[in-house]
N, C-alpha and C. Protein backbone atom coordinates (compact mmCIF):
# COMPACT_ATOMS: atom_id res chain seq x y z
N MET A 1 70.87 -17.86 16.17
CA MET A 1 70.76 -19.29 16.01
C MET A 1 71.57 -19.81 14.83
N THR A 2 71.79 -19.00 13.81
CA THR A 2 72.53 -19.48 12.64
C THR A 2 74.03 -19.57 12.92
N LYS A 3 74.49 -18.90 13.98
CA LYS A 3 75.92 -18.96 14.30
C LYS A 3 76.31 -20.32 14.85
N LEU A 4 75.43 -20.97 15.57
CA LEU A 4 75.76 -22.25 16.18
C LEU A 4 76.08 -23.31 15.14
N PRO A 5 75.29 -23.51 14.08
CA PRO A 5 75.66 -24.51 13.08
C PRO A 5 76.98 -24.16 12.36
N ILE A 6 77.23 -22.87 12.15
CA ILE A 6 78.47 -22.47 11.49
C ILE A 6 79.66 -22.80 12.38
N LEU A 7 79.55 -22.49 13.67
CA LEU A 7 80.63 -22.80 14.60
C LEU A 7 80.84 -24.30 14.71
N ALA A 8 79.76 -25.06 14.72
CA ALA A 8 79.87 -26.52 14.79
C ALA A 8 80.56 -27.06 13.55
N ALA A 9 80.24 -26.51 12.39
CA ALA A 9 80.87 -26.96 11.15
C ALA A 9 82.35 -26.62 11.14
N LEU A 10 82.69 -25.43 11.62
CA LEU A 10 84.10 -25.04 11.69
C LEU A 10 84.87 -25.94 12.66
N ALA A 11 84.27 -26.22 13.79
CA ALA A 11 84.93 -27.08 14.78
C ALA A 11 85.13 -28.49 14.21
N ALA A 12 84.13 -28.99 13.52
CA ALA A 12 84.25 -30.33 12.92
C ALA A 12 85.34 -30.35 11.85
N ALA A 13 85.40 -29.29 11.05
CA ALA A 13 86.44 -29.23 10.00
C ALA A 13 87.82 -29.14 10.63
N PHE A 14 87.96 -28.38 11.70
CA PHE A 14 89.25 -28.25 12.37
C PHE A 14 89.68 -29.57 12.97
N LEU A 15 88.76 -30.27 13.64
CA LEU A 15 89.09 -31.54 14.28
C LEU A 15 89.33 -32.65 13.27
N ALA A 16 88.82 -32.50 12.06
CA ALA A 16 88.97 -33.54 11.05
C ALA A 16 90.32 -33.46 10.34
N GLN A 17 91.09 -32.41 10.56
CA GLN A 17 92.39 -32.28 9.90
C GLN A 17 93.33 -33.37 10.40
N PRO A 18 94.07 -34.01 9.52
CA PRO A 18 95.01 -35.03 9.96
C PRO A 18 96.16 -34.39 10.74
N ALA A 19 96.74 -35.17 11.63
CA ALA A 19 97.82 -34.65 12.47
C ALA A 19 99.05 -34.32 11.66
N THR A 20 99.25 -34.97 10.53
CA THR A 20 100.44 -34.73 9.72
C THR A 20 100.31 -33.48 8.86
N ALA A 21 99.15 -32.83 8.89
CA ALA A 21 98.95 -31.63 8.07
C ALA A 21 99.47 -30.37 8.76
N GLN A 22 100.14 -30.53 9.89
CA GLN A 22 100.67 -29.38 10.60
C GLN A 22 101.84 -28.81 9.81
N PRO A 23 101.97 -27.49 9.79
CA PRO A 23 103.08 -26.90 9.05
C PRO A 23 104.42 -27.23 9.71
N ALA A 24 105.45 -27.35 8.89
CA ALA A 24 106.77 -27.67 9.40
C ALA A 24 107.27 -26.50 10.25
N SER A 25 107.81 -26.82 11.40
CA SER A 25 108.30 -25.76 12.28
C SER A 25 109.79 -25.55 12.06
N ALA A 26 110.27 -24.45 12.56
CA ALA A 26 111.70 -24.15 12.45
C ALA A 26 112.49 -25.15 13.29
N PRO A 27 113.74 -25.39 12.95
CA PRO A 27 114.54 -26.32 13.74
C PRO A 27 114.61 -25.89 15.20
N ARG A 28 114.50 -26.84 16.09
CA ARG A 28 114.57 -26.54 17.51
C ARG A 28 116.03 -26.61 17.95
N THR A 29 116.35 -25.85 18.96
CA THR A 29 117.73 -25.77 19.45
C THR A 29 117.74 -25.91 20.96
N ALA A 30 118.76 -26.58 21.46
CA ALA A 30 118.99 -26.66 22.90
C ALA A 30 120.46 -26.33 23.14
N VAL A 31 120.73 -25.72 24.25
CA VAL A 31 122.10 -25.36 24.61
C VAL A 31 122.56 -26.31 25.71
N VAL A 32 123.73 -26.90 25.51
CA VAL A 32 124.30 -27.81 26.50
C VAL A 32 125.47 -27.10 27.19
N ALA A 33 125.28 -26.79 28.45
CA ALA A 33 126.33 -26.13 29.22
C ALA A 33 127.38 -27.15 29.64
N HIS A 34 128.64 -26.74 29.63
CA HIS A 34 129.70 -27.66 30.02
C HIS A 34 130.83 -26.98 30.79
N ALA A 35 130.63 -25.70 31.12
CA ALA A 35 131.69 -24.96 31.82
C ALA A 35 131.98 -25.55 33.20
N ASP A 36 130.99 -26.20 33.80
CA ASP A 36 131.18 -26.77 35.13
C ASP A 36 131.82 -28.15 35.11
N LEU A 37 132.12 -28.68 33.93
CA LEU A 37 132.66 -30.04 33.80
C LEU A 37 134.17 -30.02 33.58
N ASP A 38 134.85 -30.99 34.16
CA ASP A 38 136.26 -31.19 33.88
C ASP A 38 136.35 -32.20 32.74
N LEU A 39 136.48 -31.70 31.53
CA LEU A 39 136.45 -32.57 30.35
C LEU A 39 137.75 -33.33 30.15
N ALA A 40 138.71 -33.15 31.03
CA ALA A 40 139.94 -33.93 30.99
C ALA A 40 139.75 -35.26 31.71
N THR A 41 138.59 -35.44 32.36
CA THR A 41 138.33 -36.70 33.07
C THR A 41 137.24 -37.49 32.37
N HIS A 42 137.25 -38.79 32.59
CA HIS A 42 136.23 -39.67 32.01
C HIS A 42 134.85 -39.30 32.55
N LYS A 43 134.79 -38.99 33.83
CA LYS A 43 133.50 -38.62 34.45
C LYS A 43 132.92 -37.37 33.79
N GLY A 44 133.75 -36.38 33.53
CA GLY A 44 133.28 -35.15 32.90
C GLY A 44 132.78 -35.39 31.49
N VAL A 45 133.49 -36.24 30.74
CA VAL A 45 133.08 -36.56 29.37
C VAL A 45 131.76 -37.33 29.37
N LYS A 46 131.60 -38.27 30.30
CA LYS A 46 130.35 -39.04 30.39
C LYS A 46 129.18 -38.12 30.74
N THR A 47 129.41 -37.18 31.64
CA THR A 47 128.35 -36.24 32.02
C THR A 47 127.96 -35.38 30.82
N LEU A 48 128.94 -34.93 30.06
CA LEU A 48 128.66 -34.15 28.85
C LEU A 48 127.85 -34.98 27.86
N ASP A 49 128.22 -36.24 27.69
CA ASP A 49 127.49 -37.12 26.77
C ASP A 49 126.04 -37.28 27.20
N ARG A 50 125.80 -37.44 28.49
CA ARG A 50 124.41 -37.55 28.98
C ARG A 50 123.64 -36.27 28.73
N ARG A 51 124.27 -35.13 28.94
CA ARG A 51 123.61 -33.85 28.70
C ARG A 51 123.26 -33.69 27.22
N ILE A 52 124.18 -34.10 26.37
CA ILE A 52 123.92 -34.02 24.93
C ILE A 52 122.75 -34.91 24.56
N TRP A 53 122.70 -36.12 25.10
CA TRP A 53 121.60 -37.03 24.77
C TRP A 53 120.26 -36.44 25.21
N ARG A 54 120.22 -35.86 26.42
CA ARG A 54 118.96 -35.25 26.88
C ARG A 54 118.56 -34.09 25.97
N ALA A 55 119.52 -33.33 25.51
CA ALA A 55 119.22 -32.22 24.59
C ALA A 55 118.72 -32.75 23.25
N VAL A 56 119.32 -33.83 22.77
CA VAL A 56 118.88 -34.43 21.50
C VAL A 56 117.44 -34.90 21.60
N VAL A 57 117.11 -35.55 22.69
CA VAL A 57 115.73 -36.03 22.89
C VAL A 57 114.77 -34.84 22.96
N ALA A 58 115.17 -33.78 23.65
CA ALA A 58 114.31 -32.60 23.75
C ALA A 58 114.11 -31.93 22.40
N VAL A 59 115.16 -31.86 21.60
CA VAL A 59 115.09 -31.19 20.31
C VAL A 59 114.28 -32.00 19.31
N CYS A 60 114.48 -33.31 19.30
CA CYS A 60 113.81 -34.15 18.30
C CYS A 60 112.41 -34.58 18.72
N GLY A 61 112.11 -34.50 19.99
CA GLY A 61 110.77 -34.85 20.44
C GLY A 61 110.51 -36.35 20.42
N THR A 62 109.24 -36.69 20.48
CA THR A 62 108.81 -38.08 20.47
C THR A 62 107.63 -38.24 19.52
N ALA A 63 107.31 -39.47 19.23
CA ALA A 63 106.14 -39.78 18.41
C ALA A 63 105.37 -40.90 19.10
N PRO A 64 104.06 -40.92 18.95
CA PRO A 64 103.28 -41.99 19.58
C PRO A 64 103.61 -43.36 18.96
N ASP A 65 103.36 -44.40 19.73
CA ASP A 65 103.67 -45.76 19.28
C ASP A 65 102.95 -46.14 17.98
N TYR A 66 101.76 -45.62 17.77
CA TYR A 66 100.98 -46.00 16.59
C TYR A 66 101.46 -45.30 15.32
N ASP A 67 102.30 -44.30 15.45
CA ASP A 67 102.78 -43.52 14.29
C ASP A 67 104.16 -44.02 13.89
N LEU A 68 104.20 -45.06 13.06
CA LEU A 68 105.48 -45.66 12.67
C LEU A 68 106.35 -44.69 11.88
N GLU A 69 105.75 -43.95 10.98
CA GLU A 69 106.52 -42.98 10.19
C GLU A 69 107.09 -41.90 11.10
N GLY A 70 106.29 -41.44 12.04
CA GLY A 70 106.74 -40.42 12.99
C GLY A 70 107.87 -40.94 13.86
N ARG A 71 107.75 -42.19 14.31
CA ARG A 71 108.81 -42.78 15.13
C ARG A 71 110.10 -42.92 14.33
N ASN A 72 109.98 -43.28 13.06
CA ASN A 72 111.18 -43.36 12.22
C ASN A 72 111.80 -41.98 12.01
N ASP A 73 110.96 -40.96 11.85
CA ASP A 73 111.47 -39.60 11.71
C ASP A 73 112.21 -39.16 12.98
N VAL A 74 111.65 -39.48 14.14
CA VAL A 74 112.28 -39.12 15.41
C VAL A 74 113.61 -39.86 15.54
N ARG A 75 113.63 -41.13 15.20
CA ARG A 75 114.85 -41.93 15.28
C ARG A 75 115.93 -41.35 14.37
N GLU A 76 115.56 -40.96 13.16
CA GLU A 76 116.51 -40.38 12.22
C GLU A 76 117.00 -39.01 12.73
N CYS A 77 116.08 -38.22 13.25
CA CYS A 77 116.45 -36.91 13.81
C CYS A 77 117.45 -37.09 14.95
N ARG A 78 117.18 -38.03 15.83
CA ARG A 78 118.08 -38.25 16.96
C ARG A 78 119.45 -38.72 16.50
N ARG A 79 119.48 -39.60 15.52
CA ARG A 79 120.76 -40.11 15.02
C ARG A 79 121.58 -38.97 14.40
N ASP A 80 120.95 -38.20 13.54
CA ASP A 80 121.67 -37.12 12.85
C ASP A 80 122.06 -36.00 13.81
N THR A 81 121.15 -35.63 14.69
CA THR A 81 121.42 -34.55 15.63
C THR A 81 122.51 -34.94 16.61
N ARG A 82 122.50 -36.18 17.06
CA ARG A 82 123.55 -36.63 17.99
C ARG A 82 124.90 -36.68 17.29
N ALA A 83 124.93 -37.07 16.04
CA ALA A 83 126.20 -37.11 15.32
C ALA A 83 126.79 -35.70 15.21
N LEU A 84 125.97 -34.72 14.89
CA LEU A 84 126.45 -33.34 14.81
C LEU A 84 126.91 -32.83 16.17
N ALA A 85 126.12 -33.09 17.19
CA ALA A 85 126.47 -32.62 18.54
C ALA A 85 127.73 -33.32 19.05
N SER A 86 127.89 -34.60 18.74
CA SER A 86 129.07 -35.34 19.19
C SER A 86 130.33 -34.81 18.53
N ALA A 87 130.22 -34.42 17.27
CA ALA A 87 131.39 -33.84 16.58
C ALA A 87 131.80 -32.53 17.26
N LYS A 88 130.82 -31.72 17.62
CA LYS A 88 131.12 -30.47 18.33
C LYS A 88 131.71 -30.76 19.71
N ALA A 89 131.17 -31.77 20.39
CA ALA A 89 131.65 -32.13 21.72
C ALA A 89 133.10 -32.63 21.65
N GLU A 90 133.42 -33.39 20.63
CA GLU A 90 134.79 -33.88 20.49
C GLU A 90 135.77 -32.71 20.36
N GLN A 91 135.36 -31.68 19.66
CA GLN A 91 136.22 -30.50 19.53
C GLN A 91 136.38 -29.80 20.87
N VAL A 92 135.28 -29.67 21.61
CA VAL A 92 135.34 -29.02 22.93
C VAL A 92 136.23 -29.83 23.87
N ILE A 93 136.10 -31.15 23.84
CA ILE A 93 136.91 -32.02 24.69
C ILE A 93 138.38 -31.91 24.30
N ALA A 94 138.66 -31.91 23.01
CA ALA A 94 140.04 -31.78 22.55
C ALA A 94 140.63 -30.45 23.01
N ASP A 95 139.86 -29.39 22.93
CA ASP A 95 140.34 -28.09 23.38
C ASP A 95 140.59 -28.09 24.89
N ALA A 96 139.76 -28.80 25.63
CA ALA A 96 139.89 -28.83 27.08
C ALA A 96 141.08 -29.67 27.53
N THR A 97 141.43 -30.68 26.77
CA THR A 97 142.52 -31.58 27.17
C THR A 97 143.85 -31.22 26.53
N ARG A 98 143.83 -30.31 25.60
CA ARG A 98 145.07 -29.90 24.94
C ARG A 98 145.90 -29.07 25.90
N VAL A 99 147.13 -29.44 26.03
CA VAL A 99 148.03 -28.69 26.89
C VAL A 99 148.49 -27.48 26.09
N ARG A 100 148.17 -26.33 26.60
CA ARG A 100 148.54 -25.10 25.91
C ARG A 100 149.68 -24.43 26.65
N PRO A 101 150.70 -24.09 25.93
CA PRO A 101 151.80 -23.40 26.60
C PRO A 101 151.38 -21.99 27.00
N ILE A 102 152.03 -21.49 28.01
CA ILE A 102 151.76 -20.14 28.47
C ILE A 102 152.76 -19.22 27.78
N ARG A 103 152.27 -18.24 27.12
CA ARG A 103 153.14 -17.30 26.42
C ARG A 103 153.48 -16.17 27.38
N VAL A 104 154.75 -15.97 27.58
CA VAL A 104 155.24 -14.91 28.45
C VAL A 104 155.91 -13.87 27.55
N THR A 105 155.43 -12.66 27.63
CA THR A 105 155.97 -11.58 26.80
C THR A 105 156.42 -10.44 27.69
N SER A 106 157.60 -9.93 27.40
CA SER A 106 158.10 -8.82 28.20
C SER A 106 157.38 -7.54 27.82
N ARG A 107 157.30 -6.66 28.75
CA ARG A 107 156.69 -5.37 28.49
C ARG A 107 157.73 -4.47 27.84
N THR A 108 157.35 -3.78 26.81
CA THR A 108 158.26 -2.84 26.17
C THR A 108 158.13 -1.49 26.84
N LYS A 109 159.23 -0.78 26.87
CA LYS A 109 159.22 0.54 27.51
C LYS A 109 159.17 1.64 26.51
């Protein structure tokens, strides 16, 4: 019988913890595949941009409407994460649209 009040007290203490007291988690990562896209076209670039946005939303998560600080944190995370991802995407697009010469080398005997 003495275990029940102890368990009830522990449950009450656990439920009374504020939501912001959760430990900080490691940064989340998402991989955006683009091998199937023709990044030399506008359509391919737009598709890549949509994929990046979905990944940003998945990585940064959401916050409830009543949590203004949390919503601001999510907004800041999305802004910063999208800026980093867009910089990487610009490099990938530049590499895809760059005309690379074909090097022809003779075989030595």
